[in-house]
Amino acid sequence: MNSRKSDREKFVIRFSELGLRAQIADEAKLASRSMNGEIVYRLFRSFELEEELRRANAVIDRLTGLDAVDVGRAEGHS
């Protein structure tokens, strides 16, 4: 989906952390993206990965709960 320039939002970023700008530039070059494209890609992926982490933690919580039930059964508790 192509956006017209007028449909895009503009946001200015100040790189206060030393080396972050260079790191983004290097990664953008490796991925054949502009720096803006790399920043947008990484922001988008951070939301996706956050959701994946929530799902993984939910599975771990369920499995941990199952382990507690199994331990209780092994010890003679119901």
PDB file of N, CA and C in Angstrom:
ATOM      1  N   MET A   1       0.844  -1.176   0.000  1.00  0.00           N
ATOM      2  CA  MET A   1       0.000   0.000   0.000  1.00  0.00           C
ATOM      3  C   MET A   1       0.888   1.237   0.000  1.00  0.00           C
ATOM      4  N   ASN A   2       0.751   2.035  -1.002  1.00  0.00           N
ATOM      5  CA  ASN A   2       1.545   3.257  -1.095  1.00  0.00           C
ATOM      6  C   ASN A   2       0.791   4.412  -0.468  1.00  0.00           C
ATOM      7  N   SER A   3       1.487   5.170   0.330  1.00  0.00           N
ATOM      8  CA  SER A   3       0.896   6.346   0.964  1.00  0.00           C
ATOM      9  C   SER A   3       1.388   7.587   0.257  1.00  0.00           C
ATOM     10  N   ARG A   4       0.516   8.548   0.152  1.00  0.00           N
ATOM     11  CA  ARG A   4       0.963   9.847  -0.340  1.00  0.00           C
ATOM     12  C   ARG A   4       1.710  10.529   0.787  1.00  0.00           C
ATOM     13  N   LYS A   5       2.618  11.413   0.434  1.00  0.00           N
ATOM     14  CA  LYS A   5       3.390  12.124   1.456  1.00  0.00           C
ATOM     15  C   LYS A   5       2.490  12.841   2.443  1.00  0.00           C
ATOM     16  N   SER A   6       1.376  13.380   1.967  1.00  0.00           N
ATOM     17  CA  SER A   6       0.489  14.124   2.861  1.00  0.00           C
ATOM     18  C   SER A   6      -0.225  13.208   3.854  1.00  0.00           C
ATOM     19  N   ASP A   7      -0.282  11.898   3.559  1.00  0.00           N
ATOM     20  CA  ASP A   7      -0.930  10.939   4.449  1.00  0.00           C
ATOM     21  C   ASP A   7       0.007  10.445   5.552  1.00  0.00           C
ATOM     22  N   ARG A   8       1.267  10.712   5.424  1.00  0.00           N
ATOM     23  CA  ARG A   8       2.255  10.228   6.387  1.00  0.00           C
ATOM     24  C   ARG A   8       2.427  11.218   7.522  1.00  0.00           C
ATOM     25  N   GLU A   9       2.680  10.675   8.703  1.00  0.00           N
ATOM     26  CA  GLU A   9       2.947  11.543   9.846  1.00  0.00           C
ATOM     27  C   GLU A   9       4.448  11.728   9.988  1.00  0.00           C
ATOM     28  N   LYS A  10       4.843  12.893  10.426  1.00  0.00           N
ATOM     29  CA  LYS A  10       6.256  13.206  10.591  1.00  0.00           C
ATOM     30  C   LYS A  10       6.572  13.256  12.078  1.00  0.00           C
ATOM     31  N   PHE A  11       7.711  12.665  12.441  1.00  0.00           N
ATOM     32  CA  PHE A  11       8.134  12.633  13.831  1.00  0.00           C
ATOM     33  C   PHE A  11       9.649  12.802  13.861  1.00  0.00           C
ATOM     34  N   VAL A  12      10.131  13.745  14.626  1.00  0.00           N
ATOM     35  CA  VAL A  12      11.570  14.006  14.716  1.00  0.00           C
ATOM     36  C   VAL A  12      12.139  13.211  15.881  1.00  0.00           C
ATOM     37  N   ILE A  13      13.257  12.543  15.633  1.00  0.00           N
ATOM     38  CA  ILE A  13      13.917  11.753  16.680  1.00  0.00           C
ATOM     39  C   ILE A  13      15.277  12.366  16.969  1.00  0.00           C
ATOM     40  N   ARG A  14      15.580  12.517  18.243  1.00  0.00           N
ATOM     41  CA  ARG A  14      16.910  12.969  18.662  1.00  0.00           C
ATOM     42  C   ARG A  14      17.646  11.761  19.219  1.00  0.00           C
ATOM     43  N   PHE A  15      18.780  11.461  18.662  1.00  0.00           N
ATOM     44  CA  PHE A  15      19.580  10.323  19.106  1.00  0.00           C
ATOM     45  C   PHE A  15      20.515  10.773  20.213  1.00  0.00           C
ATOM     46  N   SER A  16      20.115  10.588  21.443  1.00  0.00           N
ATOM     47  CA  SER A  16      20.961  11.002  22.562  1.00  0.00           C
ATOM     48  C   SER A  16      21.967   9.914  22.940  1.00  0.00           C
ATOM     49  N   GLU A  17      21.634   8.666  22.632  1.00  0.00           N
ATOM     50  CA  GLU A  17      22.547   7.572  22.967  1.00  0.00           C
ATOM     51  C   GLU A  17      23.628   7.471  21.893  1.00  0.00           C
ATOM     52  N   LEU A  18      24.867   7.520  22.328  1.00  0.00           N
ATOM     53  CA  LEU A  18      25.977   7.451  21.379  1.00  0.00           C
ATOM     54  C   LEU A  18      25.975   6.114  20.656  1.00  0.00           C
ATOM     55  N   GLY A  19      26.132   6.170  19.365  1.00  0.00           N
ATOM     56  CA  GLY A  19      26.236   4.958  18.580  1.00  0.00           C
ATOM     57  C   GLY A  19      24.910   4.416  18.062  1.00  0.00           C
ATOM     58  N   LEU A  20      23.796   4.864  18.605  1.00  0.00           N
ATOM     59  CA  LEU A  20      22.502   4.336  18.169  1.00  0.00           C
ATOM     60  C   LEU A  20      22.213   4.702  16.717  1.00  0.00           C
ATOM     61  N   ARG A  21      22.510   5.935  16.359  1.00  0.00           N
ATOM     62  CA  ARG A  21      22.269   6.357  14.974  1.00  0.00           C
ATOM     63  C   ARG A  21      23.097   5.518  14.009  1.00  0.00           C
ATOM     64  N   ALA A  22      24.355   5.304  14.331  1.00  0.00           N
ATOM     65  CA  ALA A  22      25.232   4.506  13.471  1.00  0.00           C
ATOM     66  C   ALA A  22      24.748   3.059  13.388  1.00  0.00           C
ATOM     67  N   GLN A  23      24.298   2.531  14.509  1.00  0.00           N
ATOM     68  CA  GLN A  23      23.811   1.148  14.528  1.00  0.00           C
ATOM     69  C   GLN A  23      22.563   1.006  13.651  1.00  0.00           C
ATOM     70  N   ILE A  24      21.661   1.964  13.749  1.00  0.00           N
ATOM     71  CA  ILE A  24      20.459   1.932  12.910  1.00  0.00           C
ATOM     72  C   ILE A  24      20.848   2.056  11.441  1.00  0.00           C
ATOM     73  N   ALA A  25      21.778   2.940  11.144  1.00  0.00           N
ATOM     74  CA  ALA A  25      22.234   3.119   9.762  1.00  0.00           C
ATOM     75  C   ALA A  25      22.847   1.832   9.222  1.00  0.00           C
ATOM     76  N   ASP A  26      23.666   1.165  10.032  1.00  0.00           N
ATOM     77  CA  ASP A  26      24.291  -0.096   9.611  1.00  0.00           C
ATOM     78  C   ASP A  26      23.244  -1.171   9.344  1.00  0.00           C
ATOM     79  N   GLU A  27      22.288  -1.305  10.261  1.00  0.00           N
ATOM     80  CA  GLU A  27      21.241  -2.318  10.104  1.00  0.00           C
ATOM     81  C   GLU A  27      20.348  -2.009   8.904  1.00  0.00           C
ATOM     82  N   ALA A  28      20.066  -0.739   8.686  1.00  0.00           N
ATOM     83  CA  ALA A  28      19.254  -0.335   7.535  1.00  0.00           C
ATOM     84  C   ALA A  28      19.957  -0.712   6.239  1.00  0.00           C
ATOM     85  N   LYS A  29      21.248  -0.469   6.191  1.00  0.00           N
ATOM     86  CA  LYS A  29      22.021  -0.796   4.992  1.00  0.00           C
ATOM     87  C   LYS A  29      22.010  -2.302   4.743  1.00  0.00           C
ATOM     88  N   LEU A  30      22.200  -3.096   5.799  1.00  0.00           N
ATOM     89  CA  LEU A  30      22.186  -4.557   5.663  1.00  0.00           C
ATOM     90  C   LEU A  30      20.842  -5.067   5.148  1.00  0.00           C
ATOM     91  N   ALA A  31      19.769  -4.407   5.546  1.00  0.00           N
ATOM     92  CA  ALA A  31      18.418  -4.831   5.157  1.00  0.00           C
ATOM     93  C   ALA A  31      17.920  -4.113   3.902  1.00  0.00           C
ATOM     94  N   SER A  32      18.777  -3.295   3.303  1.00  0.00           N
ATOM     95  CA  SER A  32      18.406  -2.508   2.115  1.00  0.00           C
ATOM     96  C   SER A  32      17.182  -1.635   2.378  1.00  0.00           C
ATOM     97  N   ARG A  33      17.194  -0.987   3.550  1.00  0.00           N
ATOM     98  CA  ARG A  33      16.122  -0.067   3.915  1.00  0.00           C
ATOM     99  C   ARG A  33      16.722   1.301   4.187  1.00  0.00           C
ATOM    100  N   SER A  34      15.881   2.315   4.116  1.00  0.00           N
ATOM    101  CA  SER A  34      16.301   3.644   4.557  1.00  0.00           C
ATOM    102  C   SER A  34      16.353   3.625   6.080  1.00  0.00           C
ATOM    103  N   MET A  35      16.974   4.631   6.665  1.00  0.00           N
ATOM    104  CA  MET A  35      16.976   4.708   8.133  1.00  0.00           C
ATOM    105  C   MET A  35      15.552   4.824   8.653  1.00  0.00           C
ATOM    106  N   ASN A  36      14.741   5.629   7.992  1.00  0.00           N
ATOM    107  CA  ASN A  36      13.346   5.753   8.404  1.00  0.00           C
ATOM    108  C   ASN A  36      12.647   4.394   8.325  1.00  0.00           C
ATOM    109  N   GLY A  37      12.870   3.682   7.231  1.00  0.00           N
ATOM    110  CA  GLY A  37      12.267   2.361   7.068  1.00  0.00           C
ATOM    111  C   GLY A  37      12.706   1.398   8.156  1.00  0.00           C
ATOM    112  N   GLU A  38      13.967   1.467   8.522  1.00  0.00           N
ATOM    113  CA  GLU A  38      14.498   0.597   9.578  1.00  0.00           C
ATOM    114  C   GLU A  38      13.867   0.928  10.928  1.00  0.00           C
ATOM    115  N   ILE A  39      13.746   2.206  11.224  1.00  0.00           N
ATOM    116  CA  ILE A  39      13.137   2.621  12.499  1.00  0.00           C
ATOM    117  C   ILE A  39      11.682   2.172  12.560  1.00  0.00           C
ATOM    118  N   VAL A  40      10.937   2.394  11.479  1.00  0.00           N
ATOM    119  CA  VAL A  40       9.530   1.990  11.444  1.00  0.00           C
ATOM    120  C   VAL A  40       9.419   0.476  11.562  1.00  0.00           C
ATOM    121  N   TYR A  41      10.268  -0.254  10.828  1.00  0.00           N
ATOM    122  CA  TYR A  41      10.260  -1.720  10.892  1.00  0.00           C
ATOM    123  C   TYR A  41      10.510  -2.201  12.317  1.00  0.00           C
ATOM    124  N   ARG A  42      11.503  -1.641  12.975  1.00  0.00           N
ATOM    125  CA  ARG A  42      11.843  -2.081  14.334  1.00  0.00           C
ATOM    126  C   ARG A  42      10.760  -1.715  15.347  1.00  0.00           C
ATOM    127  N   LEU A  43      10.135  -0.582  15.188  1.00  0.00           N
ATOM    128  CA  LEU A  43       9.017  -0.228  16.071  1.00  0.00           C
ATOM    129  C   LEU A  43       7.865  -1.211  15.886  1.00  0.00           C
ATOM    130  N   PHE A  44       7.528  -1.483  14.639  1.00  0.00           N
ATOM    131  CA  PHE A  44       6.447  -2.422  14.349  1.00  0.00           C
ATOM    132  C   PHE A  44       6.760  -3.798  14.922  1.00  0.00           C
ATOM    133  N   ARG A  45       7.988  -4.284  14.703  1.00  0.00           N
ATOM    134  CA  ARG A  45       8.387  -5.606  15.217  1.00  0.00           C
ATOM    135  C   ARG A  45       8.361  -5.636  16.737  1.00  0.00           C
ATOM    136  N   SER A  46       8.667  -4.525  17.390  1.00  0.00           N
ATOM    137  CA  SER A  46       8.656  -4.520  18.854  1.00  0.00           C
ATOM    138  C   SER A  46       7.255  -4.808  19.380  1.00  0.00           C
ATOM    139  N   PHE A  47       6.232  -4.312  18.706  1.00  0.00           N
ATOM    140  CA  PHE A  47       4.858  -4.597  19.116  1.00  0.00           C
ATOM    141  C   PHE A  47       4.512  -6.061  18.864  1.00  0.00           C
ATOM    142  N   GLU A  48       4.940  -6.590  17.718  1.00  0.00           N
ATOM    143  CA  GLU A  48       4.692  -8.004  17.419  1.00  0.00           C
ATOM    144  C   GLU A  48       5.387  -8.904  18.432  1.00  0.00           C
ATOM    145  N   LEU A  49       6.650  -8.605  18.719  1.00  0.00           N
ATOM    146  CA  LEU A  49       7.411  -9.437  19.653  1.00  0.00           C
ATOM    147  C   LEU A  49       6.862  -9.350  21.067  1.00  0.00           C
ATOM    148  N   GLU A  50       6.357  -8.191  21.438  1.00  0.00           N
ATOM    149  CA  GLU A  50       5.745  -8.028  22.756  1.00  0.00           C
ATOM    150  C   GLU A  50       4.527  -8.944  22.892  1.00  0.00           C
ATOM    151  N   GLU A  51       3.726  -9.027  21.839  1.00  0.00           N
ATOM    152  CA  GLU A  51       2.552  -9.906  21.855  1.00  0.00           C
ATOM    153  C   GLU A  51       2.986 -11.372  21.898  1.00  0.00           C
ATOM    154  N   GLU A  52       4.019 -11.734  21.136  1.00  0.00           N
ATOM    155  CA  GLU A  52       4.532 -13.107  21.168  1.00  0.00           C
ATOM    156  C   GLU A  52       5.039 -13.457  22.564  1.00  0.00           C
ATOM    157  N   LEU A  53       5.693 -12.519  23.217  1.00  0.00           N
ATOM    158  CA  LEU A  53       6.194 -12.742  24.573  1.00  0.00           C
ATOM    159  C   LEU A  53       5.040 -12.953  25.548  1.00  0.00           C
ATOM    160  N   ARG A  54       3.974 -12.175  25.403  1.00  0.00           N
ATOM    161  CA  ARG A  54       2.790 -12.365  26.263  1.00  0.00           C
ATOM    162  C   ARG A  54       2.222 -13.778  26.105  1.00  0.00           C
ATOM    163  N   ARG A  55       2.119 -14.224  24.841  1.00  0.00           N
ATOM    164  CA  ARG A  55       1.587 -15.571  24.596  1.00  0.00           C
ATOM    165  C   ARG A  55       2.512 -16.637  25.167  1.00  0.00           C
ATOM    166  N   ALA A  56       3.813 -16.476  24.989  1.00  0.00           N
ATOM    167  CA  ALA A  56       4.773 -17.445  25.522  1.00  0.00           C
ATOM    168  C   ALA A  56       4.708 -17.489  27.042  1.00  0.00           C
ATOM    169  N   ASN A  57       4.605 -16.338  27.675  1.00  0.00           N
ATOM    170  CA  ASN A  57       4.502 -16.301  29.140  1.00  0.00           C
ATOM    171  C   ASN A  57       3.217 -16.959  29.621  1.00  0.00           C
ATOM    172  N   ALA A  58       2.132 -16.806  28.869  1.00  0.00           N
ATOM    173  CA  ALA A  58       0.870 -17.455  29.237  1.00  0.00           C
ATOM    174  C   ALA A  58       1.019 -18.971  29.170  1.00  0.00           C
ATOM    175  N   VAL A  59       1.711 -19.464  28.150  1.00  0.00           N
ATOM    176  CA  VAL A  59       1.955 -20.907  28.038  1.00  0.00           C
ATOM    177  C   VAL A  59       2.818 -21.379  29.200  1.00  0.00           C
ATOM    178  N   ILE A  60       3.854 -20.636  29.521  1.00  0.00           N
ATOM    179  CA  ILE A  60       4.727 -20.992  30.650  1.00  0.00           C
ATOM    180  C   ILE A  60       3.929 -21.020  31.943  1.00  0.00           C
ATOM    181  N   ASP A  61       3.076 -20.027  32.145  1.00  0.00           N
ATOM    182  CA  ASP A  61       2.242 -19.995  33.353  1.00  0.00           C
ATOM    183  C   ASP A  61       1.338 -21.217  33.429  1.00  0.00           C
ATOM    184  N   ARG A  62       0.732 -21.592  32.288  1.00  0.00           N
ATOM    185  CA  ARG A  62      -0.134 -22.780  32.286  1.00  0.00           C
ATOM    186  C   ARG A  62       0.673 -24.031  32.584  1.00  0.00           C
ATOM    187  N   LEU A  63       1.843 -24.160  31.961  1.00  0.00           N
ATOM    188  CA  LEU A  63       2.679 -25.343  32.187  1.00  0.00           C
ATOM    189  C   LEU A  63       3.187 -25.391  33.617  1.00  0.00           C
ATOM    190  N   THR A  64       3.550 -24.256  34.170  1.00  0.00           N
ATOM    191  CA  THR A  64       4.000 -24.196  35.560  1.00  0.00           C
ATOM    192  C   THR A  64       2.867 -24.608  36.482  1.00  0.00           C
ATOM    193  N   GLY A  65       1.666 -24.180  36.183  1.00  0.00           N
ATOM    194  CA  GLY A  65       0.502 -24.576  36.964  1.00  0.00           C
ATOM    195  C   GLY A  65       0.261 -26.065  36.883  1.00  0.00           C
ATOM    196  N   LEU A  66       0.461 -26.640  35.688  1.00  0.00           N
ATOM    197  CA  LEU A  66       0.311 -28.085  35.527  1.00  0.00           C
ATOM    198  C   LEU A  66       1.367 -28.823  36.322  1.00  0.00           C
ATOM    199  N   ASP A  67       2.594 -28.320  36.329  1.00  0.00           N
ATOM    200  CA  ASP A  67       3.660 -28.944  37.110  1.00  0.00           C
ATOM    201  C   ASP A  67       3.306 -28.949  38.584  1.00  0.00           C
ATOM    202  N   ALA A  68       2.720 -27.877  39.087  1.00  0.00           N
ATOM    203  CA  ALA A  68       2.343 -27.804  40.495  1.00  0.00           C
ATOM    204  C   ALA A  68       1.274 -28.841  40.809  1.00  0.00           C
ATOM    205  N   VAL A  69       0.337 -29.044  39.879  1.00  0.00           N
ATOM    206  CA  VAL A  69      -0.699 -30.063  40.072  1.00  0.00           C
ATOM    207  C   VAL A  69      -0.063 -31.440  40.090  1.00  0.00           C
ATOM    208  N   ASP A  70       0.869 -31.716  39.172  1.00  0.00           N
ATOM    209  CA  ASP A  70       1.545 -33.011  39.123  1.00  0.00           C
ATOM    210  C   ASP A  70       2.342 -33.272  40.389  1.00  0.00           C
ATOM    211  N   VAL A  71       3.021 -32.257  40.928  1.00  0.00           N
ATOM    212  CA  VAL A  71       3.788 -32.401  42.164  1.00  0.00           C
ATOM    213  C   VAL A  71       2.839 -32.717  43.313  1.00  0.00           C
ATOM    214  N   GLY A  72       1.702 -32.033  43.363  1.00  0.00           N
ATOM    215  CA  GLY A  72       0.715 -32.286  44.410  1.00  0.00           C
ATOM    216  C   GLY A  72       0.200 -33.710  44.356  1.00  0.00           C
ATOM    217  N   ARG A  73      -0.040 -34.225  43.167  1.00  0.00           N
ATOM    218  CA  ARG A  73      -0.502 -35.610  43.015  1.00  0.00           C
ATOM    219  C   ARG A  73       0.577 -36.581  43.469  1.00  0.00           C
ATOM    220  N   ALA A  74       1.820 -36.308  43.113  1.00  0.00           N
ATOM    221  CA  ALA A  74       2.922 -37.198  43.491  1.00  0.00           C
ATOM    222  C   ALA A  74       3.103 -37.235  44.998  1.00  0.00           C
ATOM    223  N   GLU A  75       2.782 -36.124  45.658  1.00  0.00           N
ATOM    224  CA  GLU A  75       2.921 -36.060  47.114  1.00  0.00           C
ATOM    225  C   GLU A  75       1.663 -36.548  47.826  1.00  0.00           C
ATOM    226  N   GLY A  76       0.662 -36.986  47.071  1.00  0.00           N
ATOM    227  CA  GLY A  76      -0.550 -37.496  47.674  1.00  0.00           C
ATOM    228  C   GLY A  76      -1.614 -36.466  47.916  1.00  0.00           C
ATOM    229  N   HIS A  77      -1.458 -35.252  47.390  1.00  0.00           N
ATOM    230  CA  HIS A  77      -2.474 -34.201  47.520  1.00  0.00           C
ATOM    231  C   HIS A  77      -3.366 -34.218  46.292  1.00  0.00           C
ATOM    232  N   SER A  78      -4.594 -33.867  46.444  1.00  0.00           N
ATOM    233  CA  SER A  78      -5.497 -33.809  45.289  1.00  0.00           C
ATOM    234  C   SER A  78      -5.876 -32.411  44.943  1.00  0.00           C
TER     235      SER A  78
END
